[in-house]
Every structure is written in C-alpha cells, then in structure tokens.
Protein backbone atom coordinates (compact mmCIF):
# COMPACT_ATOMS: atom_id res chain seq x y z
CA MET A 1 -39.09 25.64 -2.85
CA ASN A 2 -39.27 25.81 -6.66
CA GLN A 3 -36.25 27.91 -7.62
CA ASN A 4 -37.83 29.14 -10.84
CA LEU A 5 -40.92 30.39 -9.03
CA TYR A 6 -38.72 31.98 -6.38
CA ASN A 7 -36.76 33.89 -9.03
CA ILE A 8 -39.99 35.07 -10.69
CA ALA A 9 -41.39 36.30 -7.38
CA LEU A 10 -38.16 38.03 -6.41
CA TYR A 11 -37.86 39.61 -9.87
CA GLY A 12 -41.34 41.07 -9.74
CA TYR A 13 -41.01 42.24 -6.15
CA THR A 14 -37.67 44.01 -6.51
CA ASN A 15 -38.18 45.56 -9.93
CA ALA A 16 -41.72 46.75 -9.32
CA TYR A 17 -40.27 49.57 -7.21
CA ALA A 18 -38.45 50.99 -10.23
CA VAL A 19 -41.63 50.92 -12.31
CA LEU A 20 -43.61 52.47 -9.46
CA VAL A 21 -41.15 55.33 -8.88
CA GLY A 22 -40.79 56.08 -12.58
CA GLY A 23 -44.55 56.04 -13.05
CA LEU A 24 -45.18 58.31 -10.09
CA ILE A 25 -42.60 60.84 -11.31
CA LEU A 26 -44.15 60.95 -14.76
CA ALA A 27 -47.66 61.12 -13.26
CA ALA A 28 -46.57 64.03 -11.03
CA ILE A 29 -45.24 65.94 -14.04
CA CYS A 30 -48.44 65.34 -16.00
CA ALA A 31 -50.52 66.32 -12.97
CA ILE A 32 -48.67 69.63 -12.60
CA VAL A 33 -49.14 70.42 -16.28
CA GLY A 34 -52.80 69.40 -16.11
CA LYS A 35 -53.37 71.59 -13.05
CA ILE A 36 -52.42 74.62 -15.09
CA PHE A 37 -54.71 73.99 -18.04
CA MET A 38 -57.67 72.04 -16.58
CA SER A 39 -60.63 72.75 -14.34
CA ARG A 40 -60.59 71.12 -10.88
CA ASP A 41 -62.97 68.28 -11.77
CA LYS A 42 -61.27 67.45 -15.07
CA TRP A 43 -57.87 67.63 -13.41
CA LYS A 44 -58.96 65.26 -10.66
CA ASN A 45 -60.26 62.73 -13.20
CA PHE A 46 -57.08 63.15 -15.24
CA VAL A 47 -54.83 62.43 -12.26
CA GLY A 48 -56.99 59.46 -11.28
CA THR A 49 -56.70 58.06 -14.79
CA LEU A 50 -52.92 58.43 -14.63
CA PHE A 51 -52.79 56.53 -11.35
CA VAL A 52 -55.01 53.75 -12.71
CA PHE A 53 -52.87 53.51 -15.84
CA TYR A 54 -49.57 53.24 -13.96
CA TRP A 55 -51.02 50.90 -11.38
CA PHE A 56 -52.12 48.59 -14.17
CA LEU A 57 -48.66 48.80 -15.77
CA ILE A 58 -47.19 47.62 -12.48
CA VAL A 59 -49.71 44.78 -12.29
CA LEU A 60 -48.80 43.65 -15.82
CA PHE A 61 -45.10 43.99 -15.01
CA ILE A 62 -45.43 41.73 -11.98
CA THR A 63 -47.84 39.19 -13.47
CA ILE A 64 -46.69 38.98 -17.10
CA VAL A 65 -43.15 40.34 -17.61
CA GLY A 66 -40.45 37.89 -16.60
CA ARG A 67 -42.79 34.89 -16.56
CA VAL A 68 -41.59 31.75 -18.31
CA LYS A 69 -43.86 30.62 -21.15
CA THR A 70 -45.08 27.03 -20.94
CA GLU A 71 -46.13 24.71 -23.77
CA GLU A 72 -49.62 24.28 -22.33
CA PRO A 73 -51.71 26.70 -20.29
CA LYS A 74 -51.69 26.07 -16.54
CA ILE A 75 -55.07 26.13 -14.81
CA GLU A 76 -56.07 25.70 -11.16
CA LEU A 77 -59.79 25.88 -10.37
CA ARG A 78 -59.78 24.65 -6.76
CA LEU A 79 -61.03 27.29 -4.37
CA PHE A 80 -58.73 28.53 -1.58
CA TRP A 81 -56.07 25.98 -2.48
CA CYS A 82 -53.28 28.58 -2.30
CA ILE A 83 -54.05 29.47 1.33
CA LYS A 84 -54.30 25.78 2.22
CA GLU A 85 -50.94 25.12 0.56
CA ALA A 86 -49.32 28.11 2.26
CA TRP A 87 -50.69 27.11 5.67
CA THR A 88 -49.68 23.46 5.30
CA ASN A 89 -46.25 23.95 3.74
CA ARG A 90 -45.22 27.03 5.75
CA ASP A 91 -43.41 28.20 2.63
CA PRO A 92 -42.63 31.94 2.34
CA LEU A 93 -43.10 31.74 -1.43
CA ASP A 94 -46.64 30.40 -1.07
CA TRP A 95 -47.45 33.23 1.34
CA TYR A 96 -45.85 35.71 -1.05
CA PHE A 97 -48.37 34.81 -3.73
CA VAL A 98 -51.31 34.97 -1.32
CA THR A 99 -50.49 38.27 0.39
CA GLY A 100 -48.97 39.73 -2.76
CA ASN A 101 -52.12 39.17 -4.81
CA ILE A 102 -54.19 40.84 -2.11
CA ALA A 103 -51.83 43.81 -1.64
CA LEU A 104 -51.46 44.31 -5.39
CA PHE A 105 -55.11 45.33 -5.78
CA ILE A 106 -55.47 47.51 -2.69
CA PRO A 107 -54.35 50.65 -4.65
CA ILE A 108 -57.09 50.36 -7.29
CA GLY A 109 -59.73 50.03 -4.58
CA LEU A 110 -58.49 53.32 -3.10
CA ILE A 111 -57.80 55.22 -6.33
CA LEU A 112 -61.20 54.72 -7.96
CA PRO A 113 -63.43 56.26 -5.24
CA MET A 114 -60.79 58.85 -4.37
CA PHE A 115 -60.65 60.37 -7.87
CA PHE A 116 -63.93 59.38 -9.53
CA VAL A 117 -67.24 60.44 -7.97
CA ASN A 118 -69.25 57.83 -9.88
CA MET A 119 -67.12 55.04 -8.38
CA ARG A 120 -68.08 55.74 -4.75
CA ARG A 121 -70.15 52.60 -4.40
CA TRP A 122 -68.87 49.28 -3.13
CA TRP A 123 -70.21 47.23 -5.99
CA LYS A 124 -68.83 49.51 -8.71
CA THR A 125 -65.28 49.58 -7.38
CA VAL A 126 -65.22 45.86 -6.57
CA CYS A 127 -66.60 45.00 -10.02
CA VAL A 128 -63.89 47.06 -11.72
CA GLY A 129 -61.21 45.41 -9.58
CA PHE A 130 -62.62 41.98 -10.37
CA SER A 131 -62.68 42.82 -14.09
CA PHE A 132 -59.01 43.84 -14.02
CA SER A 133 -58.18 40.57 -12.27
CA VAL A 134 -60.12 38.48 -14.80
CA PHE A 135 -58.35 40.28 -17.65
CA VAL A 136 -54.92 39.51 -16.18
CA GLU A 137 -55.79 35.86 -15.53
CA VAL A 138 -57.19 35.40 -19.05
CA LEU A 139 -54.07 37.08 -20.47
CA GLN A 140 -51.88 34.63 -18.55
CA LEU A 141 -54.01 31.77 -19.87
CA VAL A 142 -53.87 32.89 -23.50
CA LEU A 143 -50.14 33.67 -23.41
CA HIS A 144 -49.28 30.55 -21.40
CA LEU A 145 -47.64 32.71 -18.74
CA GLY A 146 -48.14 31.95 -15.08
CA LEU A 147 -51.13 30.13 -13.65
CA PHE A 148 -54.78 30.84 -14.36
CA GLU A 149 -56.52 30.34 -11.02
CA LEU A 150 -59.73 31.31 -9.29
CA ASP A 151 -57.87 32.03 -6.05
CA ASP A 152 -55.98 34.90 -7.69
CA MET A 153 -59.27 36.51 -8.68
CA ILE A 154 -60.64 36.06 -5.17
CA ASN A 155 -57.50 37.48 -3.54
CA ASN A 156 -57.34 40.39 -6.01
CA THR A 157 -60.99 41.27 -5.45
CA PHE A 158 -60.55 41.06 -1.67
CA GLY A 159 -57.58 43.43 -1.97
CA CYS A 160 -59.69 45.85 -4.02
CA ALA A 161 -62.38 45.75 -1.29
CA LEU A 162 -59.71 46.49 1.33
CA GLY A 163 -58.60 49.49 -0.73
CA TYR A 164 -62.15 50.79 -0.93
CA SER A 165 -62.54 50.34 2.81
CA LEU A 166 -59.44 52.51 3.30
CA TYR A 167 -61.20 55.25 1.36
CA ILE A 168 -64.29 54.90 3.58
CA ILE A 169 -62.16 55.04 6.74
CA TYR A 170 -60.31 58.09 5.38
CA VAL A 171 -63.55 59.95 4.60
CA TRP A 172 -65.13 58.94 7.90
CA LEU A 173 -62.28 59.52 10.36
CA LEU A 174 -60.05 62.11 8.67
CA LYS A 175 -62.43 64.13 6.52
CA ARG A 176 -65.21 63.85 9.12
CA LYS A 177 -67.84 63.33 6.43
CA LYS A 178 -71.03 61.34 6.83
CA VAL A 179 -70.64 57.65 5.98
CA SER A 180 -73.42 55.07 6.00
CA ALA A 181 -73.53 52.51 8.80
CA LEU A 182 -73.21 49.73 6.22
CA ASP A 183 -70.00 51.23 4.79
CA LYS A 184 -68.55 51.60 8.27
CA THR A 185 -69.45 48.04 9.22
CA ILE A 186 -68.05 46.48 6.05
CA SER A 187 -64.86 48.56 6.16
CA LEU A 188 -64.05 47.84 9.79
CA GLY A 189 -65.13 44.22 9.39
CA LEU A 190 -62.79 43.58 6.46
CA TRP A 191 -59.78 45.02 8.26
CA LEU A 192 -60.65 43.31 11.53
CA LEU A 193 -60.87 39.98 9.69
CA THR A 194 -57.53 40.64 8.00
CA ILE A 195 -55.77 41.66 11.22
CA VAL A 196 -57.14 38.69 13.16
CA PHE A 197 -56.08 36.24 10.45
CA LEU A 198 -52.58 37.71 10.18
CA THR A 199 -52.18 37.78 13.96
CA VAL A 200 -53.17 34.11 14.29
CA ALA A 201 -50.95 33.11 11.35
CA ILE A 202 -47.90 34.91 12.72
CA TYR A 203 -48.55 33.61 16.25
CA LEU A 204 -48.59 30.06 14.88
CA GLY A 205 -45.29 30.60 13.11
CA GLN A 206 -46.53 31.09 9.57
CA PRO A 207 -43.92 33.01 7.48
CA VAL A 208 -46.50 35.44 6.11
CA PHE A 209 -44.12 38.33 5.45
CA ASP A 210 -40.77 36.54 5.06
CA MET A 211 -40.59 37.22 1.31
CA PHE A 212 -41.07 40.95 1.88
CA VAL A 213 -38.26 41.53 4.37
C-alpha cells in the first residue's frame, strides 16, 4: 500500500468529522436565527443552502486540502479501473476511494430535493451532483492535486443518485405521499444493486469497509 496515499485518505477521513460538526453547529445557529426572521419557504431554502455550502466545504476539505502537489497533472481516463483494481488487489485503500467517493455525494442527492422544490426531479439533482464532481476533478487537475479520473465522476454521480433515492423512499414510506412508479423502481433498484454488490464483495472476502472501522 502506498504510504502517502494512505496518510492522505486517513487525514481526510478523520478530520472531516471536525469540519462536519463545526459546520452543522454553525448551520443550526443560522437556521434558528433565520426561523425568527424568515417565512417558511425562504427559511427552508436558506437552510438547504447552508447544508449545500457546508457539504461542499467538506468535499473540498477531503479532496483538496492535505493533498500533495505534483509537478505534472495526474489523469486516469479508463472506465471502472478503480473497482477492478480494488477487486483484484483486495486493498482496503482502493476500496476506501471507491466507497468513499460514492458515500461523499449521497448527502447532496438528499439535500437538494429535501429543501428545494424545483430540484425534485431525478435529472436535475443528478446533473447538479455531476457538475459538482466535474468541478472538483477539474480543480484537482488545474492545481495538480490528486488524480483527475472519470471513475470519480461516475462514483460521485452514483452516490448523488443514491441520495435522491433516499429522499424518494422517505417521501413514499414515511411521509406516505404519492410517488411515481418510475421513482419507486429506480430508487429500490439502485439500493438493491448496491446491497447485492456489497454482499457479494464481503462474502468473497473483499475488505470493502476496512478503512472505515
């Protein structure tokens, strides 16, 4: 295992909690103040904006801060190479980058439809998540930090879709509101695919979650 990459991953993973907690505390304070002076709709959009802002700070903290600058930009354009490497090498660090990139974008897929009415369409939320991912990858490319790769964008966008599907499941099962058959099918299908893949991987001895425990 590359020790430098291991240190980067561990740095981002452990310190992201501090950024998350601090951001949530500040967001809670702003939300309470906003509740007093704003109408319900404006307050909801305001809180959603705060969550998006702090989520993106965490993303930048994990993907940019602490990265070692290289002389030349690093680019990887092979599709699904990271999953192939993780599966072949059985390296916890490889799995960290795969599962981490997916999990990192689940919040934005949930936040957008939860707080913004005009984002309650699959394609809108997924496009925004994809745009955030492209921005981060291009930033890494320009600053020579990390690795610009298509797989990261795919994993990030998949994570965003999983987050949106959580919103659909929440509205459907907990709020008991009407949800289209297509939304139900896509939401359950995404999570079924994820659960089946993780179950098979763990059964075959892949260290999918070793970096997180």
